């Protein structure tokens, strides 16, 4: 973590130069040793490594008004700049393609010292998928991992919430500047993460939610992690980009299977066909990553361990559950399958919903959660 304002200003100035990518940034550091030396270098010496336009940008970089804004942000509690020269820079990121020279962080930097486990999936997750992600995240945190995800709607948000239920060990890698929360409805969740975990971004303050930023940030999500768990994903989901990057980075990839009729299961099934490890419990992940040194003795709970207890429900609930399966279904079809009246089924579904066993979906269908 950089504490000297002049050094911070130099790192920030270079990161703002248009056309200066992370690979060339690192080449300049190897040649000139420090960001300050790069900024002080002559135009001709810079042109030996970069294009003329980038060399001109480097010489003008210290004048960027964005630097003062960022230094002011860094003066606030819990805001940090992490550079390649810092002890806090995650070593696992050094092995990925195009490691970010600087990272903006907000929250608890100790999260970067814990082994990470990425949990990603569909933004349009089912209630069952979100529940599964939340339970796995809580369990993995209790086992000693920091849950890494992207603060998106659906599975990402559920994973962060699950981690917060444990000890709060979670890292949200975002595709915007850290002065912007996207999506806006996750402002409360982002605030909680800052209290216990960490928000992380390679993008300067003020960077909006540009579409092309999110696939790029996914390499950091997988890069920070020992493995990547995919919970519900369409066949064209961005989560599969993260999984592919994890494979390229030599990380383990895990996937939770689902219904063959569900679109959000097809991505997971494709990964399993390609060699991802099928996961049914937290133990499957912990045992596969037994070589990872966790910060305290690992213990895991079954993701089913905290499910609602419906043993005291009326006997009529049993055939209703049995006829539902795990795909969304209309009450009329349940009644036909169970041989019950619509009124009986409606009563049972209401009771099951109150117990947290089923969810009433927006389209009028019901889905069994457990």
Protein backbone atom coordinates (compact mmCIF):
# COMPACT_ATOMS: atom_id res chain seq x y z
CA UNK A 1 0.00 0.00 0.00
CA UNK A 2 1.52 3.30 -1.10
CA UNK A 3 1.51 6.00 1.59
CA UNK A 4 3.81 8.62 0.04
CA UNK A 5 1.65 11.11 -1.95
CA UNK A 6 4.40 11.82 -4.50
CA UNK A 7 4.93 8.14 -5.20
CA UNK A 8 1.18 7.58 -5.40
CA UNK A 9 0.85 10.48 -7.81
CA UNK A 10 3.47 8.96 -10.10
CA UNK A 11 1.81 5.53 -10.17
CA UNK A 12 -1.60 7.13 -10.80
CA UNK A 13 -0.29 9.47 -13.50
CA UNK A 14 1.12 6.58 -15.54
CA UNK A 15 -2.04 4.51 -15.11
CA UNK A 16 -4.03 7.35 -16.70
CA UNK A 17 -1.93 7.55 -19.87
CA UNK A 18 -4.11 6.65 -22.83
CA UNK A 19 -2.71 3.71 -24.79
CA UNK A 20 -0.32 2.58 -22.05
CA UNK A 21 -1.32 -1.00 -21.33
CA UNK A 22 -0.23 -3.09 -18.37
CA UNK A 23 2.40 -5.05 -20.34
CA UNK A 24 4.15 -1.89 -21.59
CA UNK A 25 3.77 -0.30 -18.15
CA UNK A 26 5.72 -3.25 -16.70
CA UNK A 27 8.36 -3.03 -19.45
CA UNK A 28 8.90 0.63 -18.58
CA UNK A 29 9.27 -0.27 -14.91
CA UNK A 30 11.90 -2.88 -15.75
CA UNK A 31 13.81 -0.30 -17.75
CA UNK A 32 13.47 2.77 -15.51
CA UNK A 33 12.87 1.06 -12.10
CA UNK A 34 10.37 3.56 -10.66
CA UNK A 35 7.31 5.48 -11.92
CA UNK A 36 9.02 8.75 -11.00
CA UNK A 37 11.98 7.84 -13.23
CA UNK A 38 9.63 7.00 -16.10
CA UNK A 39 7.93 10.39 -15.81
CA UNK A 40 11.34 12.11 -15.74
CA UNK A 41 12.68 10.18 -18.75
CA UNK A 42 13.46 11.96 -22.01
CA UNK A 43 11.13 11.74 -24.97
CA UNK A 44 13.73 9.90 -27.05
CA UNK A 45 14.40 7.25 -24.37
CA UNK A 46 10.67 6.66 -23.95
CA UNK A 47 10.23 6.23 -27.70
CA UNK A 48 12.59 3.27 -27.59
CA UNK A 49 9.86 1.35 -25.74
CA UNK A 50 6.56 3.03 -26.58
CA UNK A 51 4.86 4.81 -29.45
CA UNK A 52 5.28 8.54 -29.95
CA UNK A 53 1.72 9.24 -28.80
CA UNK A 54 2.22 7.26 -25.58
CA UNK A 55 5.58 8.97 -24.96
CA UNK A 56 3.87 12.33 -25.31
CA UNK A 57 1.13 11.17 -22.96
CA UNK A 58 3.69 10.14 -20.34
CA UNK A 59 5.36 13.54 -20.43
CA UNK A 60 2.01 15.28 -20.00
CA UNK A 61 0.73 12.80 -17.38
CA UNK A 62 1.69 14.75 -14.20
CA UNK A 63 -0.64 17.57 -15.32
CA UNK A 64 -3.76 15.34 -15.26
CA UNK A 65 -6.30 16.93 -12.84
CA UNK A 66 -7.58 13.45 -12.01
CA UNK A 67 -4.46 12.87 -9.90
CA UNK A 68 -5.44 15.45 -7.26
CA UNK A 69 -8.95 13.98 -7.07
CA UNK A 70 -7.54 10.50 -6.49
CA UNK A 71 -5.03 11.67 -3.87
CA UNK A 72 -7.91 13.29 -2.00
CA UNK A 73 -9.82 10.01 -2.19
CA UNK A 74 -6.79 8.14 -0.87
CA UNK A 75 -6.61 10.44 2.15
CA UNK A 76 -9.95 9.05 3.34
CA UNK A 77 -10.19 6.11 5.73
CA UNK A 78 -10.21 2.63 4.17
CA UNK A 79 -9.19 3.87 0.68
CA UNK A 80 -5.94 2.42 -0.69
CA UNK A 81 -3.70 2.32 -3.74
CA UNK A 82 -1.91 -1.00 -4.26
CA UNK A 83 0.94 -1.17 -6.78
CA UNK A 84 3.21 -3.84 -8.18
CA UNK A 85 5.85 -2.68 -5.69
CA UNK A 86 3.63 -3.25 -2.63
CA UNK A 87 3.72 -6.14 -0.18
CA UNK A 88 -0.08 -6.18 -0.36
CA UNK A 89 -0.08 -6.76 -4.12
CA UNK A 90 -1.60 -10.25 -4.60
CA UNK A 91 1.20 -12.56 -5.72
CA UNK A 92 -1.22 -14.78 -7.62
CA UNK A 93 -2.01 -11.88 -9.96
CA UNK A 94 1.61 -11.73 -11.08
CA UNK A 95 1.13 -14.97 -13.00
CA UNK A 96 -1.93 -13.88 -15.00
CA UNK A 97 -2.07 -12.29 -18.42
CA UNK A 98 -1.63 -8.52 -18.11
CA UNK A 99 -1.48 -8.08 -14.32
CA UNK A 100 -2.81 -4.62 -13.39
CA UNK A 101 0.06 -2.30 -12.36
CA UNK A 102 -2.21 -0.51 -9.88
CA UNK A 103 -5.28 -1.55 -7.94
CA UNK A 104 -7.69 0.73 -6.13
CA UNK A 105 -9.01 -0.81 -2.91
CA UNK A 106 -11.60 0.10 -0.32
CA UNK A 107 -11.93 -1.84 2.93
CA UNK A 108 -9.85 -4.49 4.68
CA UNK A 109 -6.58 -5.25 2.87
CA UNK A 110 -6.07 -8.39 4.95
CA UNK A 111 -8.56 -10.07 2.60
CA UNK A 112 -5.77 -10.20 0.02
CA UNK A 113 -3.74 -12.45 2.33
CA UNK A 114 -6.39 -15.17 2.47
CA UNK A 115 -6.72 -17.88 -0.19
CA UNK A 116 -9.50 -16.88 -2.55
CA UNK A 117 -12.34 -18.93 -4.00
CA UNK A 118 -14.31 -17.34 -6.83
CA UNK A 119 -18.07 -17.87 -6.96
CA UNK A 120 -19.75 -16.64 -10.13
CA UNK A 121 -22.92 -17.27 -12.09
CA UNK A 122 -25.98 -15.88 -13.81
CA UNK A 123 -27.29 -12.38 -13.19
CA UNK A 124 -30.74 -13.88 -13.75
CA UNK A 125 -30.40 -16.65 -11.21
CA UNK A 126 -33.27 -18.68 -9.83
CA UNK A 127 -34.14 -18.37 -6.13
CA UNK A 128 -32.69 -21.86 -5.68
CA UNK A 129 -29.44 -20.81 -7.38
CA UNK A 130 -29.05 -17.74 -5.18
CA UNK A 131 -29.75 -19.81 -2.07
CA UNK A 132 -27.15 -22.37 -3.14
CA UNK A 133 -24.52 -19.70 -3.84
CA UNK A 134 -25.17 -18.04 -0.49
CA UNK A 135 -24.86 -21.31 1.43
CA UNK A 136 -21.68 -22.37 -0.39
CA UNK A 137 -20.11 -18.94 0.20
CA UNK A 138 -20.88 -19.01 3.91
CA UNK A 139 -19.48 -22.51 4.23
CA UNK A 140 -16.30 -21.73 2.26
CA UNK A 141 -15.65 -18.66 4.40
CA UNK A 142 -15.95 -20.78 7.52
CA UNK A 143 -13.44 -23.14 5.94
CA UNK A 144 -10.94 -20.28 5.66
CA UNK A 145 -11.37 -18.98 2.11
CA UNK A 146 -12.14 -15.42 1.02
CA UNK A 147 -15.05 -15.49 -1.43
CA UNK A 148 -14.23 -13.53 -4.59
CA UNK A 149 -16.97 -12.32 -6.94
CA UNK A 150 -18.06 -9.35 -9.03
CA UNK A 151 -20.88 -7.58 -7.10
CA UNK A 152 -23.31 -8.24 -9.96
CA UNK A 153 -26.96 -9.12 -9.49
CA UNK A 154 -27.88 -12.76 -9.05
CA UNK A 155 -25.21 -15.27 -8.05
CA UNK A 156 -22.47 -12.67 -7.37
CA UNK A 157 -24.58 -10.77 -4.87
CA UNK A 158 -25.71 -13.99 -3.19
CA UNK A 159 -22.09 -15.12 -2.82
CA UNK A 160 -21.10 -11.86 -1.12
CA UNK A 161 -24.11 -12.05 1.19
CA UNK A 162 -23.21 -15.60 2.16
CA UNK A 163 -19.66 -14.58 3.02
CA UNK A 164 -20.97 -11.72 5.15
CA UNK A 165 -23.01 -14.26 7.12
CA UNK A 166 -19.75 -15.95 8.11
CA UNK A 167 -16.77 -13.72 8.94
CA UNK A 168 -17.19 -11.26 6.09
CA UNK A 169 -14.17 -12.53 4.13
CA UNK A 170 -15.17 -11.45 0.65
CA UNK A 171 -13.62 -9.47 -2.19
CA UNK A 172 -15.78 -7.73 -4.78
CA UNK A 173 -13.84 -7.02 -7.98
CA UNK A 174 -15.76 -4.37 -9.89
CA UNK A 175 -15.70 -3.01 -13.42
CA UNK A 176 -16.05 0.66 -12.48
CA UNK A 177 -14.14 3.21 -10.44
CA UNK A 178 -14.57 2.69 -6.70
CA UNK A 179 -16.48 5.95 -6.38
CA UNK A 180 -19.30 4.34 -8.36
CA UNK A 181 -21.42 1.38 -7.25
CA UNK A 182 -22.83 -0.73 -10.06
CA UNK A 183 -25.50 -1.96 -10.00
CA UNK A 184 -26.95 0.87 -7.91
CA UNK A 185 -29.22 -1.48 -5.97
CA UNK A 186 -26.11 -3.06 -4.44
CA UNK A 187 -25.04 0.15 -2.66
CA UNK A 188 -26.05 -1.31 0.70
CA UNK A 189 -24.22 -4.56 -0.04
CA UNK A 190 -21.10 -2.65 -1.13
CA UNK A 191 -21.17 -0.71 2.15
CA UNK A 192 -21.30 -3.97 4.11
CA UNK A 193 -18.42 -5.41 2.11
CA UNK A 194 -16.28 -2.35 2.89
CA UNK A 195 -16.95 -2.85 6.61
CA UNK A 196 -15.74 -6.45 6.66
CA UNK A 197 -14.23 -7.34 3.28
CA UNK A 198 -12.76 -5.47 0.33
CA UNK A 199 -13.83 -3.68 -2.86
CA UNK A 200 -11.19 -3.85 -5.60
CA UNK A 201 -10.80 -2.29 -9.06
CA UNK A 202 -8.09 -1.67 -11.63
CA UNK A 203 -10.09 1.23 -13.06
CA UNK A 204 -9.52 4.89 -12.09
CA UNK A 205 -12.10 6.82 -10.12
CA UNK A 206 -14.97 8.02 -12.26
CA UNK A 207 -14.84 5.05 -14.66
CA UNK A 208 -18.47 4.26 -15.54
CA UNK A 209 -20.01 0.83 -16.12
CA UNK A 210 -18.70 0.25 -19.65
CA UNK A 211 -19.63 -3.12 -21.14
CA UNK A 212 -16.09 -4.09 -22.19
CA UNK A 213 -14.70 -3.52 -18.67
CA UNK A 214 -16.51 -6.48 -17.13
CA UNK A 215 -15.00 -9.35 -19.14
CA UNK A 216 -11.60 -7.77 -18.50
CA UNK A 217 -12.11 -7.58 -14.73
CA UNK A 218 -13.05 -11.28 -14.72
CA UNK A 219 -9.37 -12.23 -15.16
CA UNK A 220 -8.75 -10.60 -11.75
CA UNK A 221 -11.62 -12.50 -10.11
CA UNK A 222 -10.18 -15.83 -11.25
CA UNK A 223 -6.59 -14.66 -10.81
CA UNK A 224 -7.10 -13.90 -7.11
CA UNK A 225 -8.57 -17.36 -6.52
CA UNK A 226 -7.39 -20.91 -5.97
CA UNK A 227 -10.48 -22.14 -7.79
CA UNK A 228 -13.66 -20.94 -9.47
CA UNK A 229 -17.14 -22.26 -8.65
CA UNK A 230 -19.88 -21.63 -11.22
CA UNK A 231 -23.43 -21.69 -9.85
CA UNK A 232 -26.02 -21.45 -12.63
CA UNK A 233 -24.96 -20.04 -15.97
CA UNK A 234 -26.49 -19.77 -19.41
CA UNK A 235 -24.43 -21.21 -22.22
CA UNK A 236 -23.40 -17.66 -23.27
CA UNK A 237 -22.97 -16.34 -19.72
CA UNK A 238 -20.10 -14.04 -18.82
CA UNK A 239 -19.42 -16.45 -15.96
CA UNK A 240 -18.05 -18.90 -18.52
CA UNK A 241 -15.50 -16.25 -19.50
CA UNK A 242 -14.30 -16.25 -15.89
CA UNK A 243 -14.20 -20.06 -15.91
CA UNK A 244 -12.17 -20.13 -19.14
CA UNK A 245 -9.75 -17.58 -17.73
CA UNK A 246 -9.43 -19.67 -14.58
CA UNK A 247 -8.50 -22.68 -16.72
CA UNK A 248 -5.92 -20.63 -18.63
CA UNK A 249 -4.48 -19.44 -15.31
CA UNK A 250 -4.17 -23.00 -14.01
CA UNK A 251 -6.96 -22.67 -11.44
CA UNK A 252 -9.43 -25.42 -10.56
CA UNK A 253 -12.93 -25.03 -11.98
CA UNK A 254 -16.00 -26.38 -10.19
CA UNK A 255 -19.61 -26.43 -11.37
CA UNK A 256 -22.93 -27.25 -9.72
CA UNK A 257 -25.26 -29.33 -11.91
CA UNK A 258 -28.93 -28.50 -12.27
CA UNK A 259 -32.06 -29.48 -14.13
CA UNK A 260 -31.59 -30.53 -17.76
CA UNK A 261 -34.62 -28.35 -18.56
CA UNK A 262 -33.22 -25.15 -17.05
CA UNK A 263 -31.37 -22.66 -19.30
CA UNK A 264 -29.25 -21.53 -16.34
CA UNK A 265 -27.92 -25.07 -15.90
CA UNK A 266 -26.63 -25.48 -19.44
CA UNK A 267 -23.44 -23.49 -18.86
CA UNK A 268 -22.55 -25.57 -15.80
CA UNK A 269 -23.27 -28.79 -17.66
CA UNK A 270 -21.03 -27.66 -20.54
CA UNK A 271 -18.19 -26.97 -18.10
CA UNK A 272 -18.60 -30.40 -16.51
CA UNK A 273 -18.46 -32.04 -19.94
CA UNK A 274 -15.22 -30.14 -20.56
CA UNK A 275 -13.63 -31.39 -17.35
CA UNK A 276 -14.85 -29.08 -14.57
CA UNK A 277 -15.39 -30.90 -11.30
CA UNK A 278 -19.01 -31.61 -10.45
CA UNK A 279 -19.79 -30.22 -7.00
CA UNK A 280 -22.56 -31.30 -4.65
CA UNK A 281 -21.15 -30.04 -1.34
CA UNK A 282 -18.49 -27.77 0.10
CA UNK A 283 -16.46 -30.85 0.99
CA UNK A 284 -15.97 -31.54 -2.73
CA UNK A 285 -14.14 -28.21 -3.09
CA UNK A 286 -12.15 -28.32 0.15
CA UNK A 287 -10.89 -31.84 -0.54
CA UNK A 288 -9.86 -30.91 -4.08
CA UNK A 289 -7.92 -27.89 -2.75
CA UNK A 290 -6.37 -29.71 0.21
CA UNK A 291 -2.95 -28.41 -0.85
CA UNK A 292 -4.06 -24.83 -0.06
CA UNK A 293 -2.87 -23.50 3.29
CA UNK A 294 -5.88 -21.98 5.00
CA UNK A 295 -5.56 -19.34 7.75
CA UNK A 296 -7.10 -21.64 10.36
CA UNK A 297 -8.02 -25.34 10.50
CA UNK A 298 -10.53 -25.92 7.75
CA UNK A 299 -13.96 -27.17 8.59
CA UNK A 300 -16.94 -27.17 6.32
CA UNK A 301 -20.63 -27.57 6.67
CA UNK A 302 -22.89 -29.11 4.11
CA UNK A 303 -24.65 -26.45 2.06
CA UNK A 304 -27.80 -28.29 3.08
CA UNK A 305 -26.99 -27.91 6.76
CA UNK A 306 -28.85 -24.64 7.26
CA UNK A 307 -31.95 -25.48 5.26
CA UNK A 308 -35.40 -24.99 6.78
CA UNK A 309 -36.82 -27.77 8.89
CA UNK A 310 -40.19 -28.74 7.48
CA UNK A 311 -40.59 -32.02 9.42
CA UNK A 312 -43.56 -30.53 11.29
CA UNK A 313 -45.46 -29.59 8.14
CA UNK A 314 -48.80 -31.32 7.49
CA UNK A 315 -48.62 -34.67 5.69
CA UNK A 316 -50.31 -33.12 2.63
CA UNK A 317 -47.14 -31.11 1.96
CA UNK A 318 -45.16 -34.23 1.07
CA UNK A 319 -46.97 -35.08 -2.20
CA UNK A 320 -46.94 -31.40 -3.17
CA UNK A 321 -43.15 -31.27 -2.82
CA UNK A 322 -42.74 -34.62 -4.55
CA UNK A 323 -44.75 -33.42 -7.55
CA UNK A 324 -42.84 -30.15 -7.91
CA UNK A 325 -39.36 -31.39 -8.77
CA UNK A 326 -36.89 -28.51 -8.92
CA UNK A 327 -38.07 -26.70 -12.04
CA UNK A 328 -40.59 -23.80 -11.93
CA UNK A 329 -44.14 -25.13 -12.11
CA UNK A 330 -47.69 -23.77 -12.03
CA UNK A 331 -49.97 -24.68 -9.13
CA UNK A 332 -52.53 -26.18 -11.52
CA UNK A 333 -50.02 -28.76 -12.74
CA UNK A 334 -49.06 -29.64 -9.16
CA UNK A 335 -52.74 -30.21 -8.35
CA UNK A 336 -53.14 -32.47 -11.40
CA UNK A 337 -50.04 -34.49 -10.55
CA UNK A 338 -50.85 -34.82 -6.83
CA UNK A 339 -54.56 -35.52 -7.28
CA UNK A 340 -55.44 -32.63 -4.97
CA UNK A 341 -57.86 -29.76 -5.38
CA UNK A 342 -56.49 -26.33 -6.38
CA UNK A 343 -57.56 -25.04 -2.96
CA UNK A 344 -55.57 -27.74 -1.14
CA UNK A 345 -52.48 -27.08 -3.24
CA UNK A 346 -52.80 -23.31 -2.75
CA UNK A 347 -52.93 -23.78 1.02
CA UNK A 348 -49.91 -26.08 1.03
CA UNK A 349 -47.88 -23.78 -1.23
CA UNK A 350 -48.59 -20.80 1.00
CA UNK A 351 -47.41 -22.77 4.03
CA UNK A 352 -44.33 -24.03 2.22
CA UNK A 353 -43.50 -20.50 1.10
CA UNK A 354 -43.74 -19.21 4.66
CA UNK A 355 -41.37 -21.99 5.74
CA UNK A 356 -38.87 -20.99 3.04
CA UNK A 357 -39.23 -24.31 1.23
CA UNK A 358 -40.70 -22.94 -2.01
CA UNK A 359 -40.61 -19.57 -3.75
CA UNK A 360 -43.46 -17.87 -5.61
CA UNK A 361 -41.96 -16.53 -8.85
CA UNK A 362 -42.96 -13.35 -10.65
CA UNK A 363 -44.57 -15.28 -13.53
CA UNK A 364 -46.96 -17.06 -11.15
CA UNK A 365 -45.02 -20.30 -11.03
CA UNK A 366 -43.60 -21.91 -7.90
CA UNK A 367 -40.11 -23.33 -7.41
CA UNK A 368 -38.91 -25.75 -4.81
CA UNK A 369 -35.80 -24.42 -3.06
CA UNK A 370 -34.68 -27.53 -1.15
